[in-house]
Amino acid sequence: MARTASQPSPGTVGAERTAALPGPIEAAFTRIQEQMEAAAVGVFVAGADSLQFIARDQAAGAILDELWRHGRDGLLEQAAASDDGVIGTNRLRARTEGPVCAKMVAAVLRDRSETMYGLLVALRTTEQEKFGVRESQLLTDLAAQYGGLFAAPEAPASGLLSWTIFQAQVRKSELRSERAPGCILYGNVDQLHVLNKLAGLTAGDQAIAAAGEALQEEELPTGASVCHISGDRFAVYLPKATLSQARRLAEVLSKSVTERCANIGGLRTRLSISFGVAEVAPGDTQLTQSLSAAETACRAAKDRGRGRVEIYQDADESIVRRNDDVLIANRLRKALETERIGIVAQPLISLKGDGRVYHELLVRMVSDTGTFVSPAYFMSAATRYQLLIDLDRAMLIRVFDRLKAARAQLEGRDMRFSINLSGPTIGNPEFLEWLSASIGPNTVPGEWLQFEITETAAVANVAQTQSMIKRLRARGVEFALDDFGTGVSSFAYLKAFDVSMLKLDGSFTRDLLTDTRSESLVRGIAQLGQSMNIQTVAECVETESVRVRLGELGIDRAQGFLFGQPVPLESVLTP
């Protein structure tokens, strides 16, 4: 069942047969599918408008097509940053809110000039064996064998240079240059998918052509080159240019593209193009490092509002964060696959002599050396690359296993363990079903648990959050509203969400003794909690004087380094 998927109608994602695959490509797909024992095999090309793939049935093809639509760019980023050009997971979700649906392994595809242009992706169903090291190596070999076959033709779009010719011209110019190196501009049309959805792929093609014409017709310095990489991606080379000069020209090009794309096919648009600027690195004959730096800066431009120009700078926190996130996401995926997830506990100390013991449980990634890694290191990557649901599930599985094993030690101790749930997790119906099935008298009693949710996560889906709270409270679970007081409607949501605890944001605690406004807010929240029979907890308590003042203001509990660093969960399970 070979096919090319190209914008299928809703409900039949990946199921419509459009254009048949060329004979050599279909034969290659068939051989790869057999050798990998895969349910589906496809090629993810950056900027491509359609997915080429082969699948043994409609369901497998739909999963691959959904992954291509919603995860392609992130997978390409991670594969480019990985040491061996291979990434994978045995708990694949086609979308953030979707269930585990398949297993995946992907290997980098390179053209004849050794430039990465896409990924060779293999899927197995949840019923099949996991992908391991052997399969990763096999797919790497197959990607090297067939890489040239899947590469897009070198005929340029809009009369612009192809990537191979562009590379050669830049290489020749840089070798001849006796002065400063040149600069690379990486341009990406913003939100082209919106135009494709509103007016069809033909309008998208017209926008790409218009952008290419604008870049080609703008007056450029002598020796400059313009390249259409693929899809909505372009590159411009400026010889002997400083970063400032390159930035100014990129701003001119950006304005020109916006004006040219103001009317596409009779439809008024707000299309723009974002540019990233980077110097050509010495010795980078294939432009691998230089283009990657410019692309990273371009993504930062998109993050900061689109239609912008950003220069690649090692000191730019946003750019450094994005680069780091790609690498960290790979490490986190591997940690999840190998179950290298640790749990630590921090007490919520009663300031009023309450006998019940609360501990907040915090997730840690276990490094290759066996040490715990703080969430501050990996949470940005987990959020950016849609790993929060997998992370929450892995943490809960570990916690539930430990609590069930310690049932005899926990009986009669009046302890409750508080666990954070992320926004994507709260909004996932399948996760709620799994969580409900995991809590009960014969598994983990609800009376042992409390879930912490932030106002931001809760208000993203009020109805779903209310349903979750109601359903789990019936099983004895309590809920806490975390980072209380920082949102614009914190007090209003107390009426919407049936919570038993308010956790004051640490910003109120840190300046409690020096800022009268913070003190007034803490006093007011304490009084509100008392009137509504809701416990209040102050976070980030680090000094005895702050602890005393919190007690005087009526706060029920305190949490922070004053009472000790987080410790492994096992140490609090034993009496």
Protein backbone atom coordinates (compact mmCIF):
# COMPACT_ATOMS: atom_id res chain seq x y z
CA MET A 1 0.00 0.00 0.00
CA ALA A 2 2.38 2.68 -1.21
CA ARG A 3 1.18 6.25 -1.31
CA THR A 4 1.99 9.91 -1.01
CA ALA A 5 -0.07 11.76 1.59
CA SER A 6 -0.94 15.32 0.68
CA GLN A 7 -3.37 17.16 2.94
CA PRO A 8 -5.95 14.38 3.46
CA SER A 9 -9.42 15.34 4.61
CA PRO A 10 -10.25 15.23 8.36
CA GLY A 11 -10.99 11.74 9.61
CA THR A 12 -9.01 10.07 6.84
CA VAL A 13 -5.53 11.26 7.75
CA GLY A 14 -3.03 9.30 5.72
CA ALA A 15 -5.76 7.07 4.33
CA GLU A 16 -6.30 8.57 0.89
CA ARG A 17 -4.27 7.27 -2.00
CA THR A 18 -3.20 10.22 -4.10
CA ALA A 19 -0.12 9.87 -6.30
CA ALA A 20 1.67 6.55 -6.70
CA LEU A 21 5.30 6.41 -5.62
CA PRO A 22 7.99 6.17 -8.31
CA GLY A 23 8.99 2.56 -8.90
CA PRO A 24 12.53 2.73 -7.43
CA ILE A 25 11.31 4.54 -4.30
CA GLU A 26 8.44 2.10 -3.75
CA ALA A 27 10.84 -0.82 -4.15
CA ALA A 28 13.27 0.76 -1.66
CA PHE A 29 10.47 1.37 0.85
CA THR A 30 9.35 -2.25 0.53
CA ARG A 31 12.86 -3.58 1.22
CA ILE A 32 13.31 -1.22 4.19
CA GLN A 33 9.93 -2.21 5.62
CA GLU A 34 10.79 -5.90 5.39
CA GLN A 35 14.25 -5.56 6.92
CA MET A 36 13.01 -3.35 9.75
CA GLU A 37 9.88 -5.50 10.31
CA ALA A 38 8.04 -2.18 10.34
CA ALA A 39 4.36 -1.38 10.13
CA ALA A 40 5.17 1.82 8.21
CA VAL A 41 8.23 3.47 6.66
CA GLY A 42 8.44 7.05 5.44
CA VAL A 43 10.75 9.93 4.61
CA PHE A 44 10.44 13.23 6.50
CA VAL A 45 11.91 16.00 4.35
CA ALA A 46 12.29 19.49 5.79
CA GLY A 47 9.85 21.89 4.17
CA ALA A 48 8.18 19.23 1.98
CA ASP A 49 4.49 19.63 1.19
CA SER A 50 3.74 15.90 1.19
CA LEU A 51 4.91 12.72 2.88
CA GLN A 52 6.14 9.72 0.94
CA PHE A 53 5.57 6.49 2.79
CA ILE A 54 4.50 2.88 2.66
CA ALA A 55 2.32 1.22 5.29
CA ARG A 56 0.94 -2.25 5.82
CA ASP A 57 -2.50 -0.87 6.76
CA GLN A 58 -4.47 2.37 7.02
CA ALA A 59 -3.95 2.75 10.79
CA ALA A 60 -0.13 2.59 10.57
CA GLY A 61 -0.12 5.07 7.68
CA ALA A 62 -2.35 7.47 9.62
CA ILE A 63 -0.01 7.43 12.63
CA LEU A 64 3.03 8.16 10.45
CA ASP A 65 1.20 10.94 8.62
CA GLU A 66 0.07 12.52 11.92
CA LEU A 67 3.63 12.39 13.26
CA TRP A 68 4.92 14.02 10.07
CA ARG A 69 2.40 16.83 10.31
CA HIS A 70 2.88 17.71 13.97
CA GLY A 71 6.35 16.49 14.94
CA ARG A 72 8.53 16.67 11.83
CA ASP A 73 10.44 19.87 12.62
CA GLY A 74 11.19 18.86 16.20
CA LEU A 75 12.42 15.43 15.12
CA LEU A 76 14.64 16.95 12.44
CA GLU A 77 16.16 19.32 15.01
CA GLN A 78 16.88 16.53 17.47
CA ALA A 79 18.33 14.20 14.84
CA ALA A 80 20.63 16.94 13.56
CA ALA A 81 21.92 17.53 17.09
CA SER A 82 22.36 13.86 18.04
CA ASP A 83 25.82 12.35 17.97
CA ASP A 84 24.93 9.46 15.67
CA GLY A 85 22.06 10.96 13.70
CA VAL A 86 19.57 8.51 15.21
CA ILE A 87 16.63 9.18 17.52
CA GLY A 88 13.78 7.01 18.67
CA THR A 89 11.18 6.18 21.25
CA ASN A 90 9.20 3.09 22.14
CA ARG A 91 6.39 5.26 23.55
CA LEU A 92 5.43 7.35 20.54
CA ARG A 93 2.57 9.85 20.68
CA ALA A 94 1.49 11.32 17.35
CA ARG A 95 0.30 14.42 19.25
CA THR A 96 0.90 15.83 22.70
CA GLU A 97 -2.61 15.03 23.87
CA GLY A 98 -2.72 11.61 22.19
CA PRO A 99 -2.14 8.15 23.67
CA VAL A 100 0.93 5.98 23.12
CA CYS A 101 0.26 4.61 19.64
CA ALA A 102 3.48 3.17 18.19
CA LYS A 103 7.24 2.74 18.40
CA MET A 104 9.59 4.83 16.26
CA VAL A 105 13.21 4.99 15.17
CA ALA A 106 14.56 7.59 12.72
CA ALA A 107 17.93 8.06 11.00
CA VAL A 108 19.34 11.08 9.21
CA LEU A 109 19.21 11.14 5.39
CA ARG A 110 22.00 12.90 3.52
CA ASP A 111 22.25 13.80 -0.16
CA ARG A 112 25.24 13.19 -2.40
CA SER A 113 26.94 16.29 -1.00
CA GLU A 114 26.56 14.84 2.54
CA THR A 115 24.06 17.56 3.48
CA MET A 116 21.26 16.45 5.78
CA TYR A 117 17.88 16.92 4.14
CA GLY A 118 15.52 14.65 6.06
CA LEU A 119 14.87 11.52 8.09
CA LEU A 120 14.15 7.90 7.27
CA VAL A 121 11.48 6.88 9.78
CA ALA A 122 10.29 3.38 10.70
CA LEU A 123 7.26 2.60 12.89
CA ARG A 124 6.15 -0.49 14.74
CA THR A 125 2.79 -0.92 16.40
CA THR A 126 2.43 -1.16 20.17
CA GLU A 127 1.99 -4.94 19.83
CA GLN A 128 5.35 -5.41 18.09
CA GLU A 129 8.79 -5.78 19.68
CA LYS A 130 10.62 -2.64 20.79
CA PHE A 131 13.28 -1.04 18.62
CA GLY A 132 16.75 -1.59 20.03
CA VAL A 133 20.40 -0.90 19.22
CA ARG A 134 20.41 -3.47 16.41
CA GLU A 135 17.47 -1.82 14.66
CA SER A 136 18.99 1.64 15.08
CA GLN A 137 22.20 0.52 13.40
CA LEU A 138 20.27 -1.24 10.65
CA LEU A 139 18.23 1.88 9.87
CA THR A 140 21.41 3.98 9.85
CA ASP A 141 22.90 1.64 7.24
CA LEU A 142 19.70 1.74 5.18
CA ALA A 143 19.60 5.55 5.34
CA ALA A 144 23.17 5.69 4.03
CA GLN A 145 22.30 3.18 1.29
CA TYR A 146 19.19 4.93 0.03
CA GLY A 147 19.92 8.56 0.99
CA GLY A 148 20.60 9.72 -2.55
CA LEU A 149 17.42 8.08 -3.85
CA PHE A 150 15.04 10.03 -1.62
CA ALA A 151 16.81 13.40 -2.04
CA ALA A 152 14.79 16.06 -3.81
CA PRO A 153 15.85 16.96 -7.37
CA GLU A 154 18.36 19.76 -7.57
CA ALA A 155 16.21 21.85 -9.91
CA PRO A 156 15.81 25.15 -8.06
CA ALA A 157 12.46 26.83 -7.36
CA SER A 158 11.73 30.34 -8.59
CA GLY A 159 14.88 30.37 -10.72
CA LEU A 160 17.11 30.42 -7.63
CA LEU A 161 20.24 28.37 -7.07
CA SER A 162 19.98 24.80 -5.81
CA TRP A 163 21.65 24.00 -2.51
CA THR A 164 24.51 22.10 -4.12
CA ILE A 165 25.38 24.92 -6.54
CA PHE A 166 24.93 27.47 -3.75
CA GLN A 167 27.39 25.53 -1.58
CA ALA A 168 29.93 25.40 -4.36
CA GLN A 169 29.72 29.14 -5.04
CA VAL A 170 30.05 30.04 -1.37
CA ARG A 171 32.99 27.68 -0.96
CA LYS A 172 34.76 29.22 -3.96
CA SER A 173 34.12 32.76 -2.74
CA GLU A 174 35.29 32.05 0.81
CA LEU A 175 38.48 30.36 -0.37
CA ARG A 176 39.32 33.38 -2.52
CA SER A 177 38.57 35.89 0.22
CA GLU A 178 41.63 37.40 1.88
CA ARG A 179 39.64 39.64 4.21
CA ALA A 180 36.72 39.06 6.58
CA PRO A 181 34.47 36.03 6.01
CA GLY A 182 31.00 36.40 4.59
CA CYS A 183 27.61 35.87 6.23
CA ILE A 184 24.75 33.46 5.69
CA LEU A 185 21.10 34.52 5.95
CA TYR A 186 18.62 31.72 6.64
CA GLY A 187 15.03 32.71 5.81
CA ASN A 188 11.82 30.87 6.61
CA VAL A 189 8.35 32.05 5.55
CA ASP A 190 6.18 32.47 8.65
CA GLN A 191 3.02 30.42 9.17
CA LEU A 192 2.75 29.20 5.60
CA HIS A 193 0.62 26.32 6.89
CA VAL A 194 -2.13 28.83 7.74
CA LEU A 195 -2.29 29.99 4.11
CA ASN A 196 -2.26 26.35 2.94
CA LYS A 197 -5.20 25.62 5.20
CA LEU A 198 -7.21 28.70 4.24
CA ALA A 199 -6.55 28.81 0.51
CA GLY A 200 -5.01 25.45 -0.41
CA LEU A 201 -1.55 24.23 -1.36
CA THR A 202 -1.61 26.12 -4.65
CA ALA A 203 -1.71 29.42 -2.75
CA GLY A 204 1.17 28.19 -0.61
CA ASP A 205 3.20 27.42 -3.72
CA GLN A 206 2.44 30.91 -5.05
CA ALA A 207 3.65 32.44 -1.77
CA ILE A 208 6.92 30.48 -1.94
CA ALA A 209 7.43 31.60 -5.54
CA ALA A 210 6.65 35.21 -4.61
CA ALA A 211 9.14 35.10 -1.74
CA GLY A 212 11.79 33.71 -4.07
CA GLU A 213 11.14 36.42 -6.62
CA ALA A 214 11.41 39.12 -3.95
CA LEU A 215 14.77 37.76 -2.78
CA GLN A 216 16.02 37.42 -6.34
CA GLU A 217 14.98 40.88 -7.51
CA GLU A 218 16.31 42.84 -4.51
CA GLU A 219 19.61 44.61 -5.22
CA LEU A 220 22.35 42.54 -3.57
CA PRO A 221 26.11 43.14 -3.20
CA THR A 222 28.45 41.84 -5.89
CA GLY A 223 29.14 38.13 -5.42
CA ALA A 224 25.99 37.46 -3.35
CA SER A 225 24.02 34.26 -3.97
CA VAL A 226 20.41 33.31 -3.25
CA CYS A 227 19.30 29.71 -2.76
CA HIS A 228 15.95 27.98 -2.42
CA ILE A 229 16.77 25.17 0.03
CA SER A 230 13.33 23.51 -0.03
CA GLY A 231 9.71 24.30 0.76
CA ASP A 232 9.51 27.67 2.49
CA ARG A 233 13.24 27.85 3.35
CA PHE A 234 15.77 30.12 1.64
CA ALA A 235 19.42 31.06 2.10
CA VAL A 236 21.38 34.14 1.06
CA TYR A 237 25.18 34.44 1.01
CA LEU A 238 26.83 37.86 1.40
CA PRO A 239 30.60 37.86 0.75
CA LYS A 240 32.92 39.94 2.94
CA ALA A 241 30.00 41.24 5.01
CA THR A 242 29.87 42.09 8.70
CA LEU A 243 27.00 40.88 10.86
CA SER A 244 25.63 44.43 11.06
CA GLN A 245 25.65 44.80 7.27
CA ALA A 246 24.02 41.39 6.87
CA ARG A 247 21.33 42.27 9.39
CA ARG A 248 20.42 45.49 7.62
CA LEU A 249 20.10 43.69 4.29
CA ALA A 250 18.03 40.92 5.89
CA GLU A 251 15.62 43.56 7.19
CA VAL A 252 15.30 44.98 3.67
CA LEU A 253 14.65 41.48 2.26
CA SER A 254 12.10 40.76 4.96
CA LYS A 255 10.15 43.92 4.10
CA SER A 256 10.32 43.12 0.40
CA VAL A 257 8.92 39.60 0.90
CA THR A 258 6.09 40.91 3.09
CA GLU A 259 5.08 43.43 0.42
CA ARG A 260 5.31 40.86 -2.37
CA CYS A 261 3.18 38.36 -0.43
CA ALA A 262 0.49 40.86 0.59
CA ASN A 263 -1.89 39.43 -2.04
CA ILE A 264 -1.71 35.77 -3.00
CA GLY A 265 -4.26 34.38 -5.42
CA GLY A 266 -6.61 37.28 -4.72
CA LEU A 267 -6.42 36.65 -0.94
CA ARG A 268 -5.09 39.38 1.33
CA THR A 269 -2.41 37.87 3.58
CA ARG A 270 -0.09 38.93 6.38
CA LEU A 271 2.71 36.60 5.38
CA SER A 272 6.16 37.53 6.56
CA ILE A 273 9.58 35.93 6.58
CA SER A 274 11.95 35.54 9.52
CA PHE A 275 15.73 35.65 9.03
CA GLY A 276 18.63 34.37 11.04
CA VAL A 277 22.12 35.75 10.38
CA ALA A 278 25.44 34.03 11.05
CA GLU A 279 29.05 34.39 9.93
CA VAL A 280 30.51 31.71 7.68
CA ALA A 281 32.68 29.71 10.07
CA PRO A 282 36.33 29.24 9.00
CA GLY A 283 36.85 25.85 7.37
CA ASP A 284 33.11 25.12 7.17
CA THR A 285 33.30 24.03 3.53
CA GLN A 286 29.90 22.29 3.61
CA LEU A 287 28.25 25.24 5.45
CA THR A 288 26.94 22.77 8.01
CA GLN A 289 27.86 24.83 11.09
CA SER A 290 27.11 28.20 9.51
CA LEU A 291 23.67 27.30 8.21
CA SER A 292 22.80 25.57 11.48
CA ALA A 293 23.73 28.73 13.41
CA ALA A 294 21.68 30.92 11.07
CA GLU A 295 18.73 28.53 11.32
CA THR A 296 18.90 28.62 15.12
CA ALA A 297 18.85 32.43 15.02
CA CYS A 298 15.88 32.27 12.63
CA ARG A 299 13.95 30.11 15.08
CA ALA A 300 14.71 32.64 17.80
CA ALA A 301 13.27 35.33 15.49
CA LYS A 302 10.09 33.29 15.18
CA ASP A 303 9.94 32.80 18.95
CA ARG A 304 10.16 36.55 19.42
CA GLY A 305 7.29 37.48 17.14
CA ARG A 306 8.04 36.48 13.51
CA GLY A 307 8.89 38.83 10.66
CA ARG A 308 12.10 39.61 12.55
CA VAL A 309 15.84 39.33 12.01
CA GLU A 310 18.09 37.86 14.68
CA ILE A 311 21.87 37.46 14.71
CA TYR A 312 23.41 34.26 16.00
CA GLN A 313 25.32 35.07 19.17
CA ASP A 314 26.73 32.56 21.61
CA ALA A 315 25.77 34.84 24.49
CA ASP A 316 22.11 35.13 23.44
CA GLU A 317 20.25 33.30 26.19
CA SER A 318 17.28 32.39 23.97
CA ILE A 319 19.50 30.93 21.26
CA VAL A 320 21.68 29.09 23.76
CA ARG A 321 18.54 27.72 25.42
CA ARG A 322 17.17 26.45 22.10
CA ASN A 323 20.47 24.77 21.21
CA ASP A 324 20.68 23.21 24.65
CA ASP A 325 17.06 22.03 24.53
CA VAL A 326 17.66 19.99 21.39
CA LEU A 327 20.51 18.10 23.06
CA ILE A 328 18.75 17.80 26.42
CA ALA A 329 15.57 16.45 24.80
CA ASN A 330 17.60 13.56 23.38
CA ARG A 331 19.04 12.79 26.80
CA LEU A 332 15.62 12.99 28.43
CA ARG A 333 14.10 10.64 25.86
CA LYS A 334 16.84 8.12 26.56
CA ALA A 335 16.35 8.51 30.31
CA LEU A 336 12.63 7.82 29.88
CA GLU A 337 13.33 4.81 27.68
CA THR A 338 15.79 3.31 30.17
CA GLU A 339 13.66 4.31 33.20
CA ARG A 340 16.41 6.52 34.65
CA ILE A 341 13.90 8.65 36.56
CA GLY A 342 14.41 9.42 40.24
CA ILE A 343 12.02 10.74 42.89
CA VAL A 344 12.91 12.98 45.84
CA ALA A 345 10.70 14.23 48.69
CA GLN A 346 10.53 17.58 50.50
CA PRO A 347 8.34 18.04 53.60
CA LEU A 348 5.55 20.60 54.03
CA ILE A 349 6.08 21.40 57.70
CA SER A 350 3.07 22.28 59.84
CA LEU A 351 3.33 25.63 61.65
CA LYS A 352 0.35 24.78 63.88
CA GLY A 353 1.24 21.34 65.18
CA ASP A 354 -0.97 19.43 62.74
CA GLY A 355 -0.18 15.73 62.99
CA ARG A 356 -0.65 14.91 59.30
CA VAL A 357 2.60 14.66 57.31
CA TYR A 358 2.79 16.01 53.76
CA HIS A 359 5.69 15.55 51.34
CA GLU A 360 5.96 17.08 47.89
CA LEU A 361 7.49 14.58 45.46
CA LEU A 362 9.82 16.04 42.82
CA VAL A 363 11.10 14.36 39.66
CA ARG A 364 14.78 14.05 38.81
CA MET A 365 16.56 12.71 35.74
CA VAL A 366 19.27 10.21 36.60
CA SER A 367 22.51 10.95 34.72
CA ASP A 368 24.83 8.36 33.21
CA THR A 369 26.95 8.62 36.37
CA GLY A 370 23.96 7.91 38.61
CA THR A 371 23.54 11.42 40.02
CA PHE A 372 20.22 13.27 40.21
CA VAL A 373 19.67 16.08 37.68
CA SER A 374 17.34 18.95 38.65
CA PRO A 375 14.26 19.79 36.53
CA ALA A 376 15.77 23.23 35.94
CA TYR A 377 18.09 21.43 33.52
CA PHE A 378 15.50 19.55 31.44
CA MET A 379 12.07 21.14 31.94
CA SER A 380 12.45 23.66 29.10
CA ALA A 381 13.33 20.84 26.69
CA ALA A 382 10.48 18.67 28.00
CA THR A 383 8.04 21.52 27.36
CA ARG A 384 9.39 22.49 23.93
CA TYR A 385 9.53 18.92 22.61
CA GLN A 386 6.22 17.70 24.10
CA LEU A 387 7.67 15.26 26.63
CA LEU A 388 5.71 16.46 29.68
CA ILE A 389 3.03 13.75 29.51
CA ASP A 390 5.67 11.01 29.21
CA LEU A 391 7.61 12.58 32.07
CA ASP A 392 4.54 12.81 34.33
CA ARG A 393 3.56 9.23 33.55
CA ALA A 394 7.08 7.91 34.20
CA MET A 395 7.17 9.76 37.54
CA LEU A 396 3.75 8.48 38.62
CA ILE A 397 4.58 4.90 37.66
CA ARG A 398 7.74 5.11 39.77
CA VAL A 399 5.89 6.71 42.70
CA PHE A 400 3.00 4.23 42.60
CA ASP A 401 5.38 1.27 42.48
CA ARG A 402 7.26 2.57 45.53
CA LEU A 403 4.09 3.30 47.50
CA LYS A 404 2.58 -0.11 46.78
CA ALA A 405 5.80 -1.80 47.84
CA ALA A 406 5.80 0.20 51.11
CA ARG A 407 2.12 -0.39 51.93
CA ALA A 408 2.92 -2.11 55.25
CA GLN A 409 5.15 0.75 56.41
CA LEU A 410 2.63 3.45 55.38
CA GLU A 411 -0.49 2.01 56.98
CA GLY A 412 -1.69 4.21 59.86
CA ARG A 413 0.97 6.91 59.41
CA ASP A 414 -1.43 9.62 58.10
CA MET A 415 0.90 10.66 55.25
CA ARG A 416 0.01 12.33 51.98
CA PHE A 417 2.30 12.71 48.98
CA SER A 418 1.87 15.76 46.75
CA ILE A 419 2.72 15.44 43.04
CA ASN A 420 2.79 18.11 40.31
CA LEU A 421 0.79 17.61 37.11
CA SER A 422 1.63 19.60 33.97
CA GLY A 423 -0.88 21.37 31.73
CA PRO A 424 -0.70 18.85 28.84
CA THR A 425 -1.25 16.02 31.31
CA ILE A 426 -4.33 17.66 32.82
CA GLY A 427 -5.81 18.14 29.35
CA ASN A 428 -5.24 14.53 28.28
CA PRO A 429 -8.39 12.35 28.65
CA GLU A 430 -6.46 9.10 28.14
CA PHE A 431 -4.07 10.05 30.93
CA LEU A 432 -6.98 10.67 33.29
CA GLU A 433 -8.39 7.22 32.51
CA TRP A 434 -5.02 5.62 33.26
CA LEU A 435 -4.62 7.65 36.44
CA SER A 436 -8.11 6.76 37.70
CA ALA A 437 -7.44 3.07 37.11
CA SER A 438 -4.17 3.34 39.07
CA ILE A 439 -5.80 4.74 42.24
CA GLY A 440 -7.90 2.65 44.58
CA PRO A 441 -7.98 0.50 47.73
CA ASN A 442 -6.16 -2.38 46.06
CA THR A 443 -3.55 -0.25 44.30
CA VAL A 444 -2.60 3.17 45.73
CA PRO A 445 -5.23 4.62 48.09
CA GLY A 446 -6.38 8.11 47.11
CA GLU A 447 -5.97 9.17 50.77
CA TRP A 448 -2.20 8.96 50.23
CA LEU A 449 -2.18 11.40 47.31
CA GLN A 450 -2.46 15.08 46.49
CA PHE A 451 -1.98 16.57 43.03
CA GLU A 452 -0.63 20.09 42.54
CA ILE A 453 -1.80 22.12 39.55
CA THR A 454 -0.84 25.64 38.57
CA GLU A 455 -3.45 28.23 37.72
CA THR A 456 -2.02 28.48 34.18
CA ALA A 457 -2.43 24.75 33.60
CA ALA A 458 -5.88 24.64 35.17
CA VAL A 459 -7.42 27.52 33.24
CA ALA A 460 -6.16 26.16 29.91
CA ASN A 461 -9.04 23.68 30.11
CA VAL A 462 -11.38 24.55 32.96
CA ALA A 463 -13.98 21.87 32.20
CA GLN A 464 -11.36 19.11 31.96
CA THR A 465 -9.71 20.25 35.21
CA GLN A 466 -13.03 20.34 37.05
CA SER A 467 -13.89 16.86 35.78
CA MET A 468 -10.53 15.50 36.93
CA ILE A 469 -10.80 17.07 40.38
CA LYS A 470 -14.35 15.80 40.91
CA ARG A 471 -13.52 12.28 39.76
CA LEU A 472 -10.35 11.87 41.81
CA ARG A 473 -11.64 13.59 44.95
CA ALA A 474 -14.31 10.88 45.04
CA ARG A 475 -11.41 8.44 45.47
CA GLY A 476 -9.93 10.41 48.37
CA VAL A 477 -7.37 12.44 46.41
CA GLU A 478 -6.77 16.07 47.42
CA PHE A 479 -5.75 18.95 45.14
CA ALA A 480 -3.52 21.98 45.67
CA LEU A 481 -3.38 25.20 43.63
CA ASP A 482 0.33 25.90 43.13
CA ASP A 483 2.04 29.30 42.63
CA PHE A 484 -1.07 30.96 44.05
CA GLY A 485 -1.24 34.74 43.80
CA THR A 486 0.76 35.18 40.58
CA GLY A 487 -2.14 34.89 38.12
CA VAL A 488 -4.53 37.63 37.10
CA SER A 489 -7.60 35.74 38.36
CA SER A 490 -6.23 33.58 41.18
CA PHE A 491 -9.04 34.39 43.59
CA ALA A 492 -11.77 33.89 40.99
CA TYR A 493 -10.58 30.37 40.23
CA LEU A 494 -10.91 29.33 43.87
CA LYS A 495 -14.63 29.20 43.15
CA ALA A 496 -14.14 27.06 40.04
CA PHE A 497 -11.71 24.49 41.47
CA ASP A 498 -12.39 22.43 44.58
CA VAL A 499 -8.91 22.48 46.15
CA SER A 500 -7.76 21.71 49.70
CA MET A 501 -4.49 23.64 49.67
CA LEU A 502 -3.08 26.92 48.38
CA LYS A 503 0.68 27.14 47.82
CA LEU A 504 1.89 30.73 47.88
CA ASP A 505 4.44 31.60 45.23
CA GLY A 506 7.96 31.94 46.64
CA SER A 507 8.21 35.56 45.54
CA PHE A 508 5.96 36.53 48.47
CA THR A 509 8.10 34.63 50.96
CA ARG A 510 11.51 35.91 49.91
CA ASP A 511 10.77 39.58 50.67
CA LEU A 512 8.20 39.01 53.43
CA LEU A 513 10.26 40.83 56.05
CA THR A 514 11.17 43.81 53.86
CA ASP A 515 8.10 44.45 51.71
CA THR A 516 4.87 45.49 53.45
CA ARG A 517 2.83 44.64 50.35
CA SER A 518 4.04 41.07 50.38
CA GLU A 519 3.20 40.83 54.08
CA SER A 520 -0.31 42.20 53.46
CA LEU A 521 -0.90 39.72 50.63
CA VAL A 522 0.30 36.78 52.73
CA ARG A 523 -1.95 37.84 55.63
CA GLY A 524 -4.92 38.21 53.27
CA ILE A 525 -4.38 34.79 51.68
CA ALA A 526 -4.03 33.19 55.12
CA GLN A 527 -7.35 34.71 56.23
CA LEU A 528 -9.00 33.65 52.97
CA GLY A 529 -7.78 30.09 53.45
CA GLN A 530 -9.09 29.97 57.01
CA SER A 531 -12.52 31.25 55.97
CA MET A 532 -12.76 28.67 53.16
CA ASN A 533 -11.24 25.81 55.21
CA ILE A 534 -8.31 25.57 52.78
CA GLN A 535 -4.76 25.00 54.03
CA THR A 536 -2.11 27.55 53.05
CA VAL A 537 1.54 26.74 52.38
CA ALA A 538 4.43 29.18 51.94
CA GLU A 539 7.21 28.01 49.61
CA CYS A 540 10.93 28.92 49.60
CA VAL A 541 11.26 29.34 53.38
CA GLU A 542 14.98 29.60 54.15
CA THR A 543 15.29 31.43 57.50
CA GLU A 544 13.88 30.94 60.98
CA SER A 545 12.71 34.57 61.17
CA VAL A 546 10.55 34.09 58.05
CA ARG A 547 9.10 30.87 59.49
CA VAL A 548 8.13 32.65 62.69
CA ARG A 549 6.50 35.54 60.84
CA LEU A 550 4.52 33.17 58.59
CA GLY A 551 3.11 31.50 61.70
CA GLU A 552 2.12 34.87 63.14
CA LEU A 553 0.33 35.75 59.92
CA GLY A 554 -1.72 32.56 60.06
CA ILE A 555 -0.06 30.42 57.36
CA ASP A 556 -0.60 26.69 58.01
CA ARG A 557 2.52 25.10 56.53
CA ALA A 558 5.96 25.99 55.20
CA GLN A 559 8.28 24.38 52.68
CA GLY A 560 11.89 25.18 51.90
CA PHE A 561 15.57 24.62 52.55
CA LEU A 562 15.18 25.70 56.20
CA PHE A 563 13.72 22.25 56.80
CA GLY A 564 16.22 20.39 54.67
CA GLN A 565 17.12 19.56 51.09
CA PRO A 566 14.90 17.13 49.11
CA VAL A 567 15.83 13.53 49.92
CA PRO A 568 15.23 10.24 48.05
CA LEU A 569 11.67 9.02 48.41
CA GLU A 570 12.78 5.75 50.01
CA SER A 571 14.12 7.60 53.06
CA VAL A 572 10.67 8.93 54.02
CA LEU A 573 8.79 5.68 53.37
CA THR A 574 10.53 3.87 56.22
CA PRO A 575 9.32 4.90 59.73
